[in-house]
């Protein structure tokens, strides 16, 4: 059963994007670093579908997602 207290956090990290689980789950490595928003969002979406946790997307807050203007392609 999924824990509703967990969140999938998506952030930009300067050269790419990071997905992390908050709070972390002991013994499971679901976090990841990605070179494109599309890949990071895909990873986060897969976790959402399998775990039922919500995505908190902070990557767009700083207008740092330039590949969105290209249709999400890097």
N, C-alpha and C. Protein backbone atom coordinates (compact mmCIF):
# COMPACT_ATOMS: atom_id res chain seq x y z
N UNK A 1 0.85 -1.19 0.00
CA UNK A 1 0.00 0.00 0.00
C UNK A 1 0.89 1.24 0.00
N UNK A 2 0.48 2.25 -0.72
CA UNK A 2 1.30 3.46 -0.80
C UNK A 2 1.10 4.34 0.43
N UNK A 3 2.13 5.06 0.78
CA UNK A 3 2.09 5.96 1.91
C UNK A 3 1.80 7.37 1.39
N UNK A 4 0.67 7.96 1.74
CA UNK A 4 0.32 9.28 1.20
C UNK A 4 1.24 10.40 1.67
N UNK A 5 2.09 10.13 2.66
CA UNK A 5 3.01 11.16 3.15
C UNK A 5 4.22 11.32 2.25
N UNK A 6 4.47 10.37 1.36
CA UNK A 6 5.61 10.48 0.45
C UNK A 6 5.25 11.37 -0.74
N UNK A 7 6.26 12.11 -1.20
CA UNK A 7 6.10 12.99 -2.36
C UNK A 7 7.24 12.74 -3.32
N UNK A 8 6.99 12.96 -4.59
CA UNK A 8 8.01 12.90 -5.62
C UNK A 8 8.39 14.34 -5.93
N UNK A 9 9.60 14.73 -5.61
CA UNK A 9 10.05 16.11 -5.79
C UNK A 9 10.89 16.19 -7.05
N UNK A 10 10.51 17.09 -7.96
CA UNK A 10 11.23 17.30 -9.22
C UNK A 10 11.80 18.71 -9.20
N UNK A 11 13.14 18.82 -9.34
CA UNK A 11 13.81 20.12 -9.31
C UNK A 11 14.82 20.22 -10.44
N UNK A 12 15.18 21.44 -10.79
CA UNK A 12 16.29 21.65 -11.73
C UNK A 12 17.57 21.73 -10.90
N UNK A 13 18.68 21.25 -11.47
CA UNK A 13 19.93 21.24 -10.72
C UNK A 13 21.07 21.94 -11.46
N UNK A 14 20.75 22.88 -12.32
CA UNK A 14 21.77 23.62 -13.05
C UNK A 14 22.04 23.02 -14.42
N UNK A 15 22.50 21.78 -14.46
CA UNK A 15 22.80 21.14 -15.73
C UNK A 15 21.75 20.12 -16.14
N UNK A 16 20.74 19.94 -15.32
CA UNK A 16 19.70 18.95 -15.62
C UNK A 16 18.60 19.00 -14.58
N UNK A 17 18.07 17.83 -14.27
CA UNK A 17 16.91 17.75 -13.38
C UNK A 17 17.08 16.58 -12.43
N UNK A 18 16.55 16.75 -11.23
CA UNK A 18 16.65 15.74 -10.19
C UNK A 18 15.26 15.33 -9.74
N UNK A 19 15.08 14.02 -9.57
CA UNK A 19 13.86 13.47 -8.98
C UNK A 19 14.28 12.82 -7.67
N UNK A 20 13.58 13.16 -6.59
CA UNK A 20 13.87 12.52 -5.31
C UNK A 20 12.56 12.25 -4.57
N UNK A 21 12.61 11.30 -3.70
CA UNK A 21 11.46 10.92 -2.89
C UNK A 21 11.63 11.54 -1.52
N UNK A 22 10.57 12.16 -1.03
CA UNK A 22 10.60 12.81 0.28
C UNK A 22 9.41 12.33 1.10
N UNK A 23 9.61 11.75 2.26
CA UNK A 23 10.89 11.36 2.84
C UNK A 23 11.48 10.16 2.10
N UNK A 24 12.81 10.00 2.17
CA UNK A 24 13.46 8.86 1.50
C UNK A 24 12.95 7.53 2.06
N UNK A 25 13.03 6.50 1.23
CA UNK A 25 12.61 5.17 1.65
C UNK A 25 13.87 4.33 1.85
N UNK A 26 14.03 3.83 3.05
CA UNK A 26 15.21 3.03 3.37
C UNK A 26 15.22 1.76 2.53
N UNK A 27 16.35 1.50 1.88
CA UNK A 27 16.51 0.29 1.08
C UNK A 27 16.01 0.39 -0.35
N UNK A 28 15.45 1.53 -0.75
CA UNK A 28 14.99 1.72 -2.13
C UNK A 28 15.61 2.98 -2.70
N UNK A 29 16.22 2.85 -3.88
CA UNK A 29 16.84 4.00 -4.53
C UNK A 29 15.98 4.41 -5.73
N UNK A 30 15.02 5.28 -5.49
CA UNK A 30 14.13 5.75 -6.55
C UNK A 30 14.53 7.12 -7.07
N UNK A 31 15.53 7.74 -6.44
CA UNK A 31 15.99 9.07 -6.86
C UNK A 31 16.78 8.95 -8.17
N UNK A 32 16.83 10.05 -8.91
CA UNK A 32 17.60 10.03 -10.14
C UNK A 32 17.92 11.42 -10.64
N UNK A 33 19.00 11.50 -11.43
CA UNK A 33 19.40 12.73 -12.11
C UNK A 33 19.25 12.51 -13.61
N UNK A 34 18.72 13.52 -14.30
CA UNK A 34 18.39 13.40 -15.71
C UNK A 34 18.86 14.63 -16.46
N UNK A 35 19.21 14.46 -17.74
CA UNK A 35 19.68 15.59 -18.53
C UNK A 35 18.56 16.37 -19.19
N UNK A 36 17.34 15.84 -19.19
CA UNK A 36 16.23 16.58 -19.78
C UNK A 36 15.01 16.54 -18.85
N UNK A 37 14.20 17.57 -18.96
CA UNK A 37 12.96 17.64 -18.19
C UNK A 37 12.05 16.48 -18.56
N UNK A 38 12.00 16.17 -19.84
CA UNK A 38 11.13 15.10 -20.32
C UNK A 38 11.47 13.76 -19.65
N UNK A 39 12.75 13.43 -19.57
CA UNK A 39 13.15 12.18 -18.92
C UNK A 39 12.87 12.18 -17.42
N UNK A 40 13.14 13.31 -16.77
CA UNK A 40 12.87 13.41 -15.34
C UNK A 40 11.38 13.29 -15.06
N UNK A 41 10.58 13.97 -15.87
CA UNK A 41 9.13 13.92 -15.68
C UNK A 41 8.60 12.51 -15.96
N UNK A 42 9.19 11.82 -16.93
CA UNK A 42 8.80 10.44 -17.21
C UNK A 42 9.09 9.51 -16.04
N UNK A 43 10.28 9.67 -15.44
CA UNK A 43 10.65 8.86 -14.27
C UNK A 43 9.69 9.14 -13.11
N UNK A 44 9.44 10.43 -12.86
CA UNK A 44 8.52 10.81 -11.78
C UNK A 44 7.11 10.27 -12.04
N UNK A 45 6.67 10.33 -13.30
CA UNK A 45 5.34 9.83 -13.65
C UNK A 45 5.22 8.33 -13.45
N UNK A 46 6.28 7.60 -13.74
CA UNK A 46 6.27 6.15 -13.51
C UNK A 46 6.15 5.82 -12.03
N UNK A 47 6.87 6.57 -11.21
CA UNK A 47 6.77 6.35 -9.76
C UNK A 47 5.37 6.70 -9.29
N UNK A 48 4.81 7.79 -9.81
CA UNK A 48 3.45 8.17 -9.42
C UNK A 48 2.45 7.08 -9.76
N UNK A 49 2.59 6.51 -10.96
CA UNK A 49 1.64 5.48 -11.39
C UNK A 49 1.77 4.20 -10.56
N UNK A 50 2.99 3.84 -10.17
CA UNK A 50 3.18 2.59 -9.43
C UNK A 50 3.01 2.74 -7.92
N UNK A 51 3.26 3.93 -7.40
CA UNK A 51 3.19 4.14 -5.95
C UNK A 51 2.00 4.98 -5.50
N UNK A 52 1.46 5.78 -6.41
CA UNK A 52 0.32 6.62 -6.05
C UNK A 52 0.69 7.90 -5.33
N UNK A 53 1.95 8.27 -5.34
CA UNK A 53 2.38 9.49 -4.67
C UNK A 53 2.25 10.67 -5.62
N UNK A 54 2.06 11.86 -5.06
CA UNK A 54 1.91 13.05 -5.90
C UNK A 54 3.27 13.63 -6.28
N UNK A 55 3.28 14.27 -7.44
CA UNK A 55 4.50 14.93 -7.93
C UNK A 55 4.45 16.40 -7.54
N UNK A 56 5.52 16.87 -6.95
CA UNK A 56 5.68 18.29 -6.64
C UNK A 56 6.78 18.80 -7.57
N UNK A 57 6.39 19.57 -8.57
CA UNK A 57 7.30 19.98 -9.64
C UNK A 57 7.82 21.39 -9.37
N UNK A 58 9.06 21.47 -8.90
CA UNK A 58 9.71 22.76 -8.65
C UNK A 58 10.61 23.17 -9.81
N UNK A 59 10.73 22.34 -10.82
CA UNK A 59 11.63 22.61 -11.94
C UNK A 59 11.19 23.83 -12.73
N UNK A 60 9.92 24.11 -12.76
CA UNK A 60 9.40 25.22 -13.55
C UNK A 60 9.42 26.56 -12.81
N UNK A 61 9.70 26.53 -11.52
CA UNK A 61 9.62 27.76 -10.72
C UNK A 61 10.62 28.82 -11.16
N UNK A 62 11.79 28.42 -11.61
CA UNK A 62 12.82 29.39 -11.98
C UNK A 62 12.89 29.61 -13.48
N UNK A 63 11.88 29.15 -14.21
CA UNK A 63 11.85 29.25 -15.68
C UNK A 63 13.13 28.68 -16.29
N UNK A 64 13.64 27.60 -15.69
CA UNK A 64 14.90 27.03 -16.15
C UNK A 64 14.72 25.93 -17.18
N UNK A 65 13.48 25.65 -17.53
CA UNK A 65 13.22 24.55 -18.46
C UNK A 65 13.15 25.09 -19.87
N UNK A 66 14.29 25.14 -20.53
CA UNK A 66 14.33 25.70 -21.88
C UNK A 66 13.89 24.70 -22.93
N UNK A 67 13.98 23.39 -22.63
CA UNK A 67 13.60 22.41 -23.65
C UNK A 67 12.09 22.30 -23.81
N UNK A 68 11.30 22.91 -22.95
CA UNK A 68 9.86 22.88 -23.13
C UNK A 68 9.45 23.66 -24.38
N UNK A 69 10.21 24.67 -24.73
CA UNK A 69 9.91 25.45 -25.93
C UNK A 69 10.12 24.61 -27.20
N UNK A 70 10.88 23.53 -27.06
CA UNK A 70 11.13 22.64 -28.19
C UNK A 70 10.23 21.41 -28.15
N UNK A 71 9.10 21.51 -27.47
CA UNK A 71 8.19 20.40 -27.39
C UNK A 71 8.63 19.32 -26.42
N UNK A 72 9.45 19.68 -25.44
CA UNK A 72 9.90 18.72 -24.45
C UNK A 72 11.05 17.85 -24.90
N UNK A 73 11.62 18.13 -26.06
CA UNK A 73 12.73 17.32 -26.57
C UNK A 73 14.06 18.01 -26.23
N UNK A 74 15.03 17.19 -25.90
CA UNK A 74 16.35 17.77 -25.60
C UNK A 74 17.26 17.71 -26.81
